[in-house]
Amino acid sequence: MLEPLGIPVSAIAAVGAAILFVVAKRGHAINTGKVLRGAPWQIVIFSLGMYLVVYGLRNAGLTEYLSDVLNLLADKGLLAATFGTGFLTAFLSSIMNNMPTVLIGALSIDGSTASGVIKEAMIYANVIGCDLGT
């Protein structure tokens, strides 16, 4: 909603989380200190690390290679692009975690020349393929 204004969704989410935290801290039903101490921070750090690996793979040329493959699929039409993207991301998701695979797929689709309905179908196939591949 605010992306056209240059405000990223992550900033909106961060502000919303901060507001919820302040409201919870003012009320006494939730011990916010206990929540912060008990949060699984190692999982947060692990997730951030996985996304750093994704950008490393992008810099190594993986997403560019996948974009070329997706371009070939897109040239074959909607059905080939949809099923090809789904199977490709399901395979990638089976050899690594689905969270970074979704981002790799998204970066690859964004880097492809696909447009319109084919690109939208590839986006949905990416999400579904990553979920099915795990």
C-alpha atoms as a PDB file:
ATOM      1  CA  MET A   1       0.000   0.000   0.000  1.00  0.00           C
ATOM      2  CA  LEU A   2       2.761   2.467   0.882  1.00  0.00           C
ATOM      3  CA  GLU A   3       5.411   1.022  -1.469  1.00  0.00           C
ATOM      4  CA  PRO A   4       4.535   3.563  -4.207  1.00  0.00           C
ATOM      5  CA  LEU A   5       5.412   6.263  -1.671  1.00  0.00           C
ATOM      6  CA  GLY A   6       8.842   4.711  -1.163  1.00  0.00           C
ATOM      7  CA  ILE A   7       8.064   3.164   2.226  1.00  0.00           C
ATOM      8  CA  PRO A   8       9.081  -0.512   2.274  1.00  0.00           C
ATOM      9  CA  VAL A   9       6.762  -3.138   3.723  1.00  0.00           C
ATOM     10  CA  SER A  10       9.498  -4.112   6.199  1.00  0.00           C
ATOM     11  CA  ALA A  11       9.441  -0.606   7.704  1.00  0.00           C
ATOM     12  CA  ILE A  12       5.675  -0.788   8.147  1.00  0.00           C
ATOM     13  CA  ALA A  13       6.011  -4.207   9.801  1.00  0.00           C
ATOM     14  CA  ALA A  14       8.757  -2.937  12.125  1.00  0.00           C
ATOM     15  CA  VAL A  15       6.682   0.075  13.196  1.00  0.00           C
ATOM     16  CA  GLY A  16       3.659  -2.182  13.762  1.00  0.00           C
ATOM     17  CA  ALA A  17       5.733  -4.594  15.857  1.00  0.00           C
ATOM     18  CA  ALA A  18       7.125  -1.715  17.926  1.00  0.00           C
ATOM     19  CA  ILE A  19       3.627  -0.342  18.559  1.00  0.00           C
ATOM     20  CA  LEU A  20       2.371  -3.781  19.625  1.00  0.00           C
ATOM     21  CA  PHE A  21       5.372  -4.166  21.929  1.00  0.00           C
ATOM     22  CA  VAL A  22       4.743  -0.778  23.578  1.00  0.00           C
ATOM     23  CA  VAL A  23       1.043  -1.578  24.038  1.00  0.00           C
ATOM     24  CA  ALA A  24       1.912  -4.971  25.550  1.00  0.00           C
ATOM     25  CA  LYS A  25       4.515  -3.386  27.843  1.00  0.00           C
ATOM     26  CA  ARG A  26       2.040  -0.784  29.134  1.00  0.00           C
ATOM     27  CA  GLY A  27      -0.504  -3.461  29.916  1.00  0.00           C
ATOM     28  CA  HIS A  28       0.463  -5.958  32.567  1.00  0.00           C
ATOM     29  CA  ALA A  29      -1.028  -9.103  31.057  1.00  0.00           C
ATOM     30  CA  ILE A  30       2.157  -9.931  29.108  1.00  0.00           C
ATOM     31  CA  ASN A  31       5.635  -9.935  30.618  1.00  0.00           C
ATOM     32  CA  THR A  32       7.498  -8.449  27.655  1.00  0.00           C
ATOM     33  CA  GLY A  33      10.906  -8.944  29.259  1.00  0.00           C
ATOM     34  CA  LYS A  34      10.211 -12.653  29.627  1.00  0.00           C
ATOM     35  CA  VAL A  35       9.012 -12.814  26.034  1.00  0.00           C
ATOM     36  CA  LEU A  36      12.228 -11.190  24.773  1.00  0.00           C
ATOM     37  CA  ARG A  37      14.426 -13.418  26.954  1.00  0.00           C
ATOM     38  CA  GLY A  38      12.542 -16.535  25.892  1.00  0.00           C
ATOM     39  CA  ALA A  39      12.480 -15.736  22.179  1.00  0.00           C
ATOM     40  CA  PRO A  40      14.371 -18.238  20.008  1.00  0.00           C
ATOM     41  CA  TRP A  41      16.998 -15.758  18.830  1.00  0.00           C
ATOM     42  CA  GLN A  42      19.193 -18.530  17.425  1.00  0.00           C
ATOM     43  CA  ILE A  43      16.445 -19.285  14.889  1.00  0.00           C
ATOM     44  CA  VAL A  44      16.266 -15.623  13.895  1.00  0.00           C
ATOM     45  CA  ILE A  45      20.041 -15.526  13.395  1.00  0.00           C
ATOM     46  CA  PHE A  46      19.937 -18.827  11.479  1.00  0.00           C
ATOM     47  CA  SER A  47      17.212 -17.465   9.179  1.00  0.00           C
ATOM     48  CA  LEU A  48      19.180 -14.294   8.507  1.00  0.00           C
ATOM     49  CA  GLY A  49      22.215 -16.456   7.734  1.00  0.00           C
ATOM     50  CA  MET A  50      20.231 -18.460   5.195  1.00  0.00           C
ATOM     51  CA  TYR A  51      19.242 -15.282   3.400  1.00  0.00           C
ATOM     52  CA  LEU A  52      22.875 -14.156   3.352  1.00  0.00           C
ATOM     53  CA  VAL A  53      23.696 -17.461   1.656  1.00  0.00           C
ATOM     54  CA  VAL A  54      21.020 -16.688  -0.955  1.00  0.00           C
ATOM     55  CA  TYR A  55      22.655 -13.383  -1.816  1.00  0.00           C
ATOM     56  CA  GLY A  56      26.014 -15.163  -1.964  1.00  0.00           C
ATOM     57  CA  LEU A  57      24.524 -17.657  -4.423  1.00  0.00           C
ATOM     58  CA  ARG A  58      23.121 -14.750  -6.421  1.00  0.00           C
ATOM     59  CA  ASN A  59      26.557 -13.147  -6.548  1.00  0.00           C
ATOM     60  CA  ALA A  60      27.989 -16.510  -7.677  1.00  0.00           C
ATOM     61  CA  GLY A  61      25.592 -16.496 -10.635  1.00  0.00           C
ATOM     62  CA  LEU A  62      22.945 -19.035  -9.587  1.00  0.00           C
ATOM     63  CA  THR A  63      19.973 -16.722 -10.002  1.00  0.00           C
ATOM     64  CA  GLU A  64      21.239 -15.543 -13.385  1.00  0.00           C
ATOM     65  CA  TYR A  65      21.519 -19.173 -14.531  1.00  0.00           C
ATOM     66  CA  LEU A  66      18.032 -19.943 -13.215  1.00  0.00           C
ATOM     67  CA  SER A  67      16.683 -16.819 -14.936  1.00  0.00           C
ATOM     68  CA  ASP A  68      18.011 -18.190 -18.221  1.00  0.00           C
ATOM     69  CA  VAL A  69      16.262 -21.521 -17.564  1.00  0.00           C
ATOM     70  CA  LEU A  70      13.049 -19.697 -16.668  1.00  0.00           C
ATOM     71  CA  ASN A  71      13.310 -17.652 -19.870  1.00  0.00           C
ATOM     72  CA  LEU A  72      13.446 -20.892 -21.871  1.00  0.00           C
ATOM     73  CA  LEU A  73      10.368 -22.143 -20.032  1.00  0.00           C
ATOM     74  CA  ALA A  74       8.524 -18.852 -20.512  1.00  0.00           C
ATOM     75  CA  ASP A  75       9.200 -19.007 -24.254  1.00  0.00           C
ATOM     76  CA  LYS A  76       7.376 -22.366 -24.357  1.00  0.00           C
ATOM     77  CA  GLY A  77       4.138 -20.850 -23.039  1.00  0.00           C
ATOM     78  CA  LEU A  78       2.071 -20.578 -19.890  1.00  0.00           C
ATOM     79  CA  LEU A  79       1.756 -24.284 -19.113  1.00  0.00           C
ATOM     80  CA  ALA A  80       5.468 -25.024 -19.540  1.00  0.00           C
ATOM     81  CA  ALA A  81       6.459 -21.940 -17.540  1.00  0.00           C
ATOM     82  CA  THR A  82       4.096 -22.778 -14.693  1.00  0.00           C
ATOM     83  CA  PHE A  83       4.909 -26.461 -14.357  1.00  0.00           C
ATOM     84  CA  GLY A  84       8.593 -25.948 -15.124  1.00  0.00           C
ATOM     85  CA  THR A  85       8.958 -23.302 -12.437  1.00  0.00           C
ATOM     86  CA  GLY A  86       7.033 -25.412  -9.945  1.00  0.00           C
ATOM     87  CA  PHE A  87       9.089 -28.544 -10.566  1.00  0.00           C
ATOM     88  CA  LEU A  88      12.363 -26.607 -10.594  1.00  0.00           C
ATOM     89  CA  THR A  89      11.697 -24.914  -7.270  1.00  0.00           C
ATOM     90  CA  ALA A  90      10.332 -28.136  -5.756  1.00  0.00           C
ATOM     91  CA  PHE A  91      13.596 -29.833  -6.704  1.00  0.00           C
ATOM     92  CA  LEU A  92      15.691 -26.996  -5.282  1.00  0.00           C
ATOM     93  CA  SER A  93      13.584 -27.023  -2.141  1.00  0.00           C
ATOM     94  CA  SER A  94      14.221 -30.752  -1.717  1.00  0.00           C
ATOM     95  CA  ILE A  95      17.999 -30.255  -1.680  1.00  0.00           C
ATOM     96  CA  MET A  96      17.996 -27.148   0.511  1.00  0.00           C
ATOM     97  CA  ASN A  97      15.550 -25.419   2.832  1.00  0.00           C
ATOM     98  CA  ASN A  98      12.392 -23.978   1.289  1.00  0.00           C
ATOM     99  CA  MET A  99      12.839 -20.505   2.822  1.00  0.00           C
ATOM    100  CA  PRO A 100      15.947 -19.576   0.820  1.00  0.00           C
ATOM    101  CA  THR A 101      14.586 -21.407  -2.218  1.00  0.00           C
ATOM    102  CA  VAL A 102      11.573 -19.081  -2.337  1.00  0.00           C
ATOM    103  CA  LEU A 103      13.905 -16.085  -2.379  1.00  0.00           C
ATOM    104  CA  ILE A 104      16.190 -17.651  -5.003  1.00  0.00           C
ATOM    105  CA  GLY A 105      13.137 -18.350  -7.144  1.00  0.00           C
ATOM    106  CA  ALA A 106      11.794 -14.832  -6.657  1.00  0.00           C
ATOM    107  CA  LEU A 107      15.124 -13.259  -7.607  1.00  0.00           C
ATOM    108  CA  SER A 108      15.374 -15.548 -10.635  1.00  0.00           C
ATOM    109  CA  ILE A 109      11.844 -14.758 -11.797  1.00  0.00           C
ATOM    110  CA  ASP A 110      12.506 -11.052 -11.312  1.00  0.00           C
ATOM    111  CA  GLY A 111      15.666 -11.391 -13.402  1.00  0.00           C
ATOM    112  CA  SER A 112      13.867 -13.230 -16.185  1.00  0.00           C
ATOM    113  CA  THR A 113      12.278 -11.583 -19.191  1.00  0.00           C
ATOM    114  CA  ALA A 114       8.879 -13.127 -18.425  1.00  0.00           C
ATOM    115  CA  SER A 115       6.006 -10.690 -18.118  1.00  0.00           C
ATOM    116  CA  GLY A 116       2.265 -10.539 -17.665  1.00  0.00           C
ATOM    117  CA  VAL A 117       0.300 -13.679 -16.909  1.00  0.00           C
ATOM    118  CA  ILE A 118       3.316 -15.929 -17.440  1.00  0.00           C
ATOM    119  CA  LYS A 119       5.339 -14.061 -14.824  1.00  0.00           C
ATOM    120  CA  GLU A 120       2.435 -14.147 -12.358  1.00  0.00           C
ATOM    121  CA  ALA A 121       2.012 -17.884 -12.907  1.00  0.00           C
ATOM    122  CA  MET A 122       5.738 -18.390 -12.322  1.00  0.00           C
ATOM    123  CA  ILE A 123       5.523 -16.466  -9.055  1.00  0.00           C
ATOM    124  CA  TYR A 124       2.692 -18.666  -7.787  1.00  0.00           C
ATOM    125  CA  ALA A 125       4.423 -21.809  -9.053  1.00  0.00           C
ATOM    126  CA  ASN A 126       7.553 -20.750  -7.161  1.00  0.00           C
ATOM    127  CA  VAL A 127       5.700 -20.530  -3.856  1.00  0.00           C
ATOM    128  CA  ILE A 128       3.756 -23.757  -4.379  1.00  0.00           C
ATOM    129  CA  GLY A 129       6.787 -25.660  -5.667  1.00  0.00           C
ATOM    130  CA  CYS A 130       8.889 -24.586  -2.696  1.00  0.00           C
ATOM    131  CA  ASP A 131       6.200 -25.741  -0.275  1.00  0.00           C
ATOM    132  CA  LEU A 132       5.743 -29.091  -2.014  1.00  0.00           C
ATOM    133  CA  GLY A 133       9.474 -29.724  -2.314  1.00  0.00           C
ATOM    134  CA  THR A 134      10.118 -29.789   1.410  1.00  0.00           C
END
